[in-house]
Protein backbone atom coordinates (compact mmCIF):
# COMPACT_ATOMS: atom_id res chain seq x y z
CA MET A 1 104.71 101.57 109.16
CA GLY A 2 108.31 101.58 107.91
CA LYS A 3 110.58 98.58 107.96
CA ILE A 4 109.43 96.05 110.54
CA GLU A 5 112.92 95.78 111.92
CA MET A 6 112.77 99.50 112.76
CA SER A 7 110.08 98.96 115.35
CA MET A 8 112.45 97.79 118.06
CA LEU A 9 114.72 100.77 117.50
CA ILE A 10 111.76 103.08 117.93
CA LYS A 11 110.78 101.35 121.13
CA LEU A 12 114.28 101.68 122.51
CA THR A 13 114.15 105.45 122.06
CA LEU A 14 111.12 105.46 124.30
CA VAL A 15 113.01 103.98 127.22
CA LEU A 16 116.39 105.65 126.76
CA SER A 17 118.91 103.56 128.61
CA PHE A 18 116.76 100.42 128.96
CA THR A 19 118.39 98.38 126.20
CA VAL A 20 117.58 94.90 127.39
CA VAL A 21 114.74 93.31 125.45
CA ALA A 22 112.81 90.44 126.91
CA PHE A 23 112.39 87.50 124.59
CA ALA A 24 109.48 85.08 124.67
CA SER A 25 108.66 84.40 128.29
CA ASN A 26 105.82 84.44 130.76
CA SER A 27 103.78 87.42 129.51
CA GLY A 28 101.44 87.59 132.52
CA ASP A 29 103.56 90.10 134.45
CA PHE A 30 103.73 92.85 131.84
CA HIS A 31 103.35 96.27 133.42
CA LEU A 32 101.61 98.63 130.97
CA PHE A 33 101.08 99.19 127.25
CA TYR A 34 102.56 101.75 124.96
CA PHE A 35 99.85 102.92 122.55
CA VAL A 36 101.51 104.39 119.47
CA GLN A 37 99.97 106.42 116.69
CA GLN A 38 101.77 107.69 113.58
CA TRP A 39 101.28 110.55 111.18
CA LEU A 40 101.29 109.05 107.69
CA GLY A 41 102.26 112.38 106.15
CA SER A 42 105.62 112.09 107.91
CA TYR A 43 106.07 108.43 107.05
CA CYS A 44 105.42 109.12 103.36
CA ASP A 45 107.65 112.20 103.43
CA GLN A 46 110.66 110.73 105.23
CA ASN A 47 114.07 110.57 103.62
CA GLY A 48 114.82 107.30 101.83
CA GLU A 49 111.34 105.89 102.23
CA ARG A 50 108.18 105.76 100.14
CA CYS A 51 104.67 104.68 101.00
CA CYS A 52 102.17 102.53 99.15
CA TYR A 53 98.49 103.09 99.82
CA PRO A 54 96.24 100.13 100.70
CA VAL A 55 93.93 98.70 98.06
CA THR A 56 91.15 100.79 99.61
CA GLY A 57 92.98 103.93 98.53
CA LYS A 58 94.77 106.79 100.26
CA PRO A 59 93.89 106.90 103.97
CA ALA A 60 92.27 109.99 105.47
CA ALA A 61 94.53 112.74 106.76
CA ASP A 62 94.63 111.57 110.35
CA PHE A 63 96.90 109.81 112.81
CA THR A 64 96.66 106.03 112.54
CA ILE A 65 97.44 103.20 114.92
CA TYR A 66 101.03 101.96 114.81
CA GLY A 67 100.92 99.51 117.69
CA LEU A 68 99.86 98.50 121.17
CA TRP A 69 102.95 97.14 122.87
CA PRO A 70 103.13 95.62 126.37
CA TYR A 71 106.22 96.24 128.46
CA TYR A 72 107.64 95.13 131.79
CA ASN A 73 108.25 97.43 134.77
CA ASP A 74 112.00 97.39 134.15
CA GLY A 75 111.31 99.09 130.79
CA SER A 76 112.01 96.06 128.58
CA PHE A 77 109.60 94.78 125.97
CA PRO A 78 108.47 91.17 125.61
CA TYR A 79 107.78 89.90 122.13
CA ASN A 80 106.91 86.76 120.21
CA CYS A 81 105.38 85.13 123.28
CA GLY A 82 103.56 82.47 121.24
CA GLY A 83 100.71 80.22 122.28
CA ALA A 84 97.97 82.14 120.46
CA ASN A 85 98.53 82.40 116.73
CA PHE A 86 96.56 84.97 114.77
CA ASP A 87 93.10 83.84 113.67
CA GLU A 88 91.87 86.04 110.84
CA ALA A 89 88.30 84.84 111.22
CA LEU A 90 88.06 86.37 114.69
CA ILE A 91 88.62 89.93 113.54
CA LYS A 92 86.57 89.89 110.34
CA PRO A 93 83.72 91.88 112.00
CA MET A 94 86.15 94.73 112.68
CA GLN A 95 88.24 94.61 109.50
CA ASP A 96 86.70 97.71 107.98
CA ARG A 97 87.57 99.73 111.06
CA LEU A 98 91.10 98.27 111.16
CA ARG A 99 91.65 99.16 107.51
CA LYS A 100 90.73 102.73 108.36
CA GLU A 101 92.38 103.16 111.75
CA TRP A 102 95.31 100.70 111.54
CA PRO A 103 96.42 100.69 107.89
CA SER A 104 99.85 99.74 106.54
CA THR A 105 101.57 101.92 103.96
CA THR A 106 104.71 99.83 103.48
CA CYS A 107 105.84 98.95 99.97
CA PRO A 108 104.83 96.50 98.73
CA ASP A 109 101.50 96.72 100.51
CA ILE A 110 101.30 93.98 103.19
CA GLY A 111 97.63 94.52 104.09
CA ARG A 112 96.41 92.26 106.86
CA LYS A 113 99.92 90.90 107.39
CA PHE A 114 100.58 94.02 109.44
CA TRP A 115 97.89 92.90 111.93
CA VAL A 116 99.25 89.34 111.87
CA HIS A 117 102.67 90.72 112.73
CA GLU A 118 101.40 92.98 115.52
CA TRP A 119 99.38 90.21 117.16
CA ASN A 120 102.04 87.49 116.91
CA LYS A 121 104.87 89.78 118.03
CA HIS A 122 103.12 91.97 120.62
CA GLY A 123 99.54 90.84 121.21
CA THR A 124 100.60 87.34 122.28
CA CYS A 125 102.52 88.89 125.14
CA SER A 126 99.34 90.37 126.60
CA LYS A 127 97.12 87.34 125.96
CA SER A 128 96.79 86.63 129.68
CA VAL A 129 94.73 89.83 129.87
CA LEU A 130 93.56 90.51 126.31
CA GLY A 131 92.71 87.83 123.76
CA GLU A 132 92.91 88.56 120.07
CA ILE A 133 89.51 90.29 119.72
CA PRO A 134 89.88 92.39 122.92
CA TYR A 135 93.45 93.34 121.91
CA PHE A 136 92.42 94.82 118.56
CA GLN A 137 89.26 96.34 120.05
CA ALA A 138 91.30 98.00 122.77
CA ALA A 139 93.56 99.62 120.15
CA LEU A 140 90.53 100.88 118.18
CA ASN A 141 88.89 102.23 121.34
CA LEU A 142 92.09 104.06 122.29
CA LYS A 143 92.29 105.56 118.82
CA TYR A 144 88.81 107.01 119.25
CA LYS A 145 89.68 108.24 122.74
CA VAL A 146 93.02 109.85 121.87
CA ASN A 147 92.14 112.19 119.01
CA LEU A 148 95.54 113.68 118.33
CA LEU A 149 94.59 115.68 115.26
CA GLN A 150 91.80 117.38 117.19
CA ALA A 151 94.00 118.00 120.22
CA LEU A 152 96.64 119.69 118.09
CA ALA A 153 94.10 121.69 116.05
CA LYS A 154 92.70 123.17 119.27
CA ALA A 155 96.15 124.60 119.91
CA GLY A 156 96.44 125.94 116.36
CA ILE A 157 98.80 123.17 115.29
CA ARG A 158 97.80 121.79 111.89
CA PRO A 159 99.35 119.61 109.12
CA ASN A 160 100.23 122.55 106.89
CA ASN A 161 103.98 121.98 106.31
CA GLN A 162 104.79 124.55 108.99
CA PHE A 163 107.17 124.19 111.92
CA TYR A 164 105.94 124.17 115.53
CA SER A 165 107.63 124.09 118.89
CA LEU A 166 108.10 120.55 120.20
CA LYS A 167 107.08 121.84 123.62
CA ALA A 168 103.87 123.27 122.16
CA VAL A 169 103.00 119.93 120.51
CA LYS A 170 103.56 118.02 123.75
CA ARG A 171 101.63 120.57 125.75
CA ALA A 172 98.63 120.47 123.38
CA ILE A 173 98.35 116.70 123.63
CA ALA A 174 98.83 116.72 127.42
CA ARG A 175 96.12 119.33 127.88
CA ALA A 176 93.64 117.39 125.72
CA THR A 177 94.32 113.95 127.24
CA GLY A 178 95.52 114.75 130.75
CA PHE A 179 98.69 112.72 130.20
CA HIS A 180 102.16 113.38 128.83
CA PRO A 181 103.07 111.96 125.43
CA TRP A 182 106.39 110.96 123.94
CA ILE A 183 107.01 112.32 120.43
CA ASP A 184 109.15 110.44 117.93
CA CYS A 185 110.42 112.24 114.83
CA ASN A 186 111.86 111.26 111.50
CA HIS A 187 113.53 113.46 108.87
CA ASN A 188 112.53 114.43 105.37
CA ALA A 189 114.86 114.72 102.37
CA GLN A 190 115.84 118.22 103.45
CA GLY A 191 116.87 116.95 106.88
CA SER A 192 113.98 118.64 108.69
CA SER A 193 112.75 117.01 111.88
CA GLN A 194 109.03 116.20 111.62
CA ILE A 195 106.40 114.73 113.94
CA TRP A 196 106.00 111.02 113.20
CA GLN A 197 104.85 108.94 116.15
CA VAL A 198 103.08 109.81 119.38
CA SER A 199 103.24 107.29 122.23
CA MET A 200 101.13 107.22 125.38
CA CYS A 201 100.91 104.72 128.21
CA VAL A 202 97.85 102.63 128.96
CA ASP A 203 97.02 100.32 131.86
CA ARG A 204 97.08 96.53 131.63
CA THR A 205 93.39 96.39 130.66
CA GLY A 206 94.09 98.51 127.57
CA THR A 207 91.44 101.06 128.56
CA ARG A 208 92.88 103.83 130.78
CA LEU A 209 95.66 106.25 129.95
CA LYS A 210 98.46 106.61 132.49
CA ASN A 211 101.58 108.72 132.76
CA CYS A 212 104.53 106.73 131.42
CA PRO A 213 107.16 105.91 134.04
CA PHE A 214 109.93 105.63 131.44
CA LEU A 215 109.47 108.66 129.19
CA PRO A 216 112.89 110.20 128.56
CA ARG A 217 113.50 113.88 129.06
CA GLY A 218 114.52 116.26 126.34
CA PRO A 219 113.74 116.22 122.64
CA GLY A 220 115.02 112.72 121.87
CA ASN A 221 115.35 112.45 118.10
CA CYS A 222 113.25 115.58 117.50
CA GLY A 223 114.47 119.12 117.02
CA SER A 224 113.14 121.94 119.18
CA LYS A 225 111.07 122.92 116.14
CA ILE A 226 109.32 120.14 114.23
CA LYS A 227 107.49 120.12 110.93
CA PHE A 228 103.88 118.94 110.64
CA PRO A 229 103.70 117.87 106.97
CA SER A 230 100.47 117.74 105.05
CA PHE A 231 99.11 114.42 103.79
């Protein structure tokens, strides 16, 4: 996951010049969601960072959920909307799936605190539409729907420590899903740009992909060629 404080910086790269962040307010008018997946191979290989595996062991070599974030139609993100604190008992039936699809690899391991953080900071801002259980279920359903590893493999793009065209990565995902993604990169110790996070837009119900109205043009923080590290 990286440092929690980093999450807002990542979000800001998604919206380019939209730098105003909405603090706790009426969450009922949020526009869409950003559904974000990350490649743990890039997180664990980034410069100045290390990862700690969950108590269940090293996750499978796959993209994992990073977040489901509501945003307003001016491009700003609400957070910490309150009024619906996390209830661990509600998600116990889906904990095994969350451990697999939405793990945390921060050091020290924070386990379920990652889900607590995501619900309290982001989920509460969509509570007028999705309660706690539907919120996490929506993220899991989207993970099953948006199979990034499969989409990239179909285009011959695999996590083999090789470099691929950023355009080819975006094109492969767009062809498989029907919608354009935004790619966020980090850098390894050698300074190489590598695929880290893939963001896609989802409607207010958390079920249907949509084209993002605020995706910036150009490579953003990625190079024209990006590494796909093994995990």
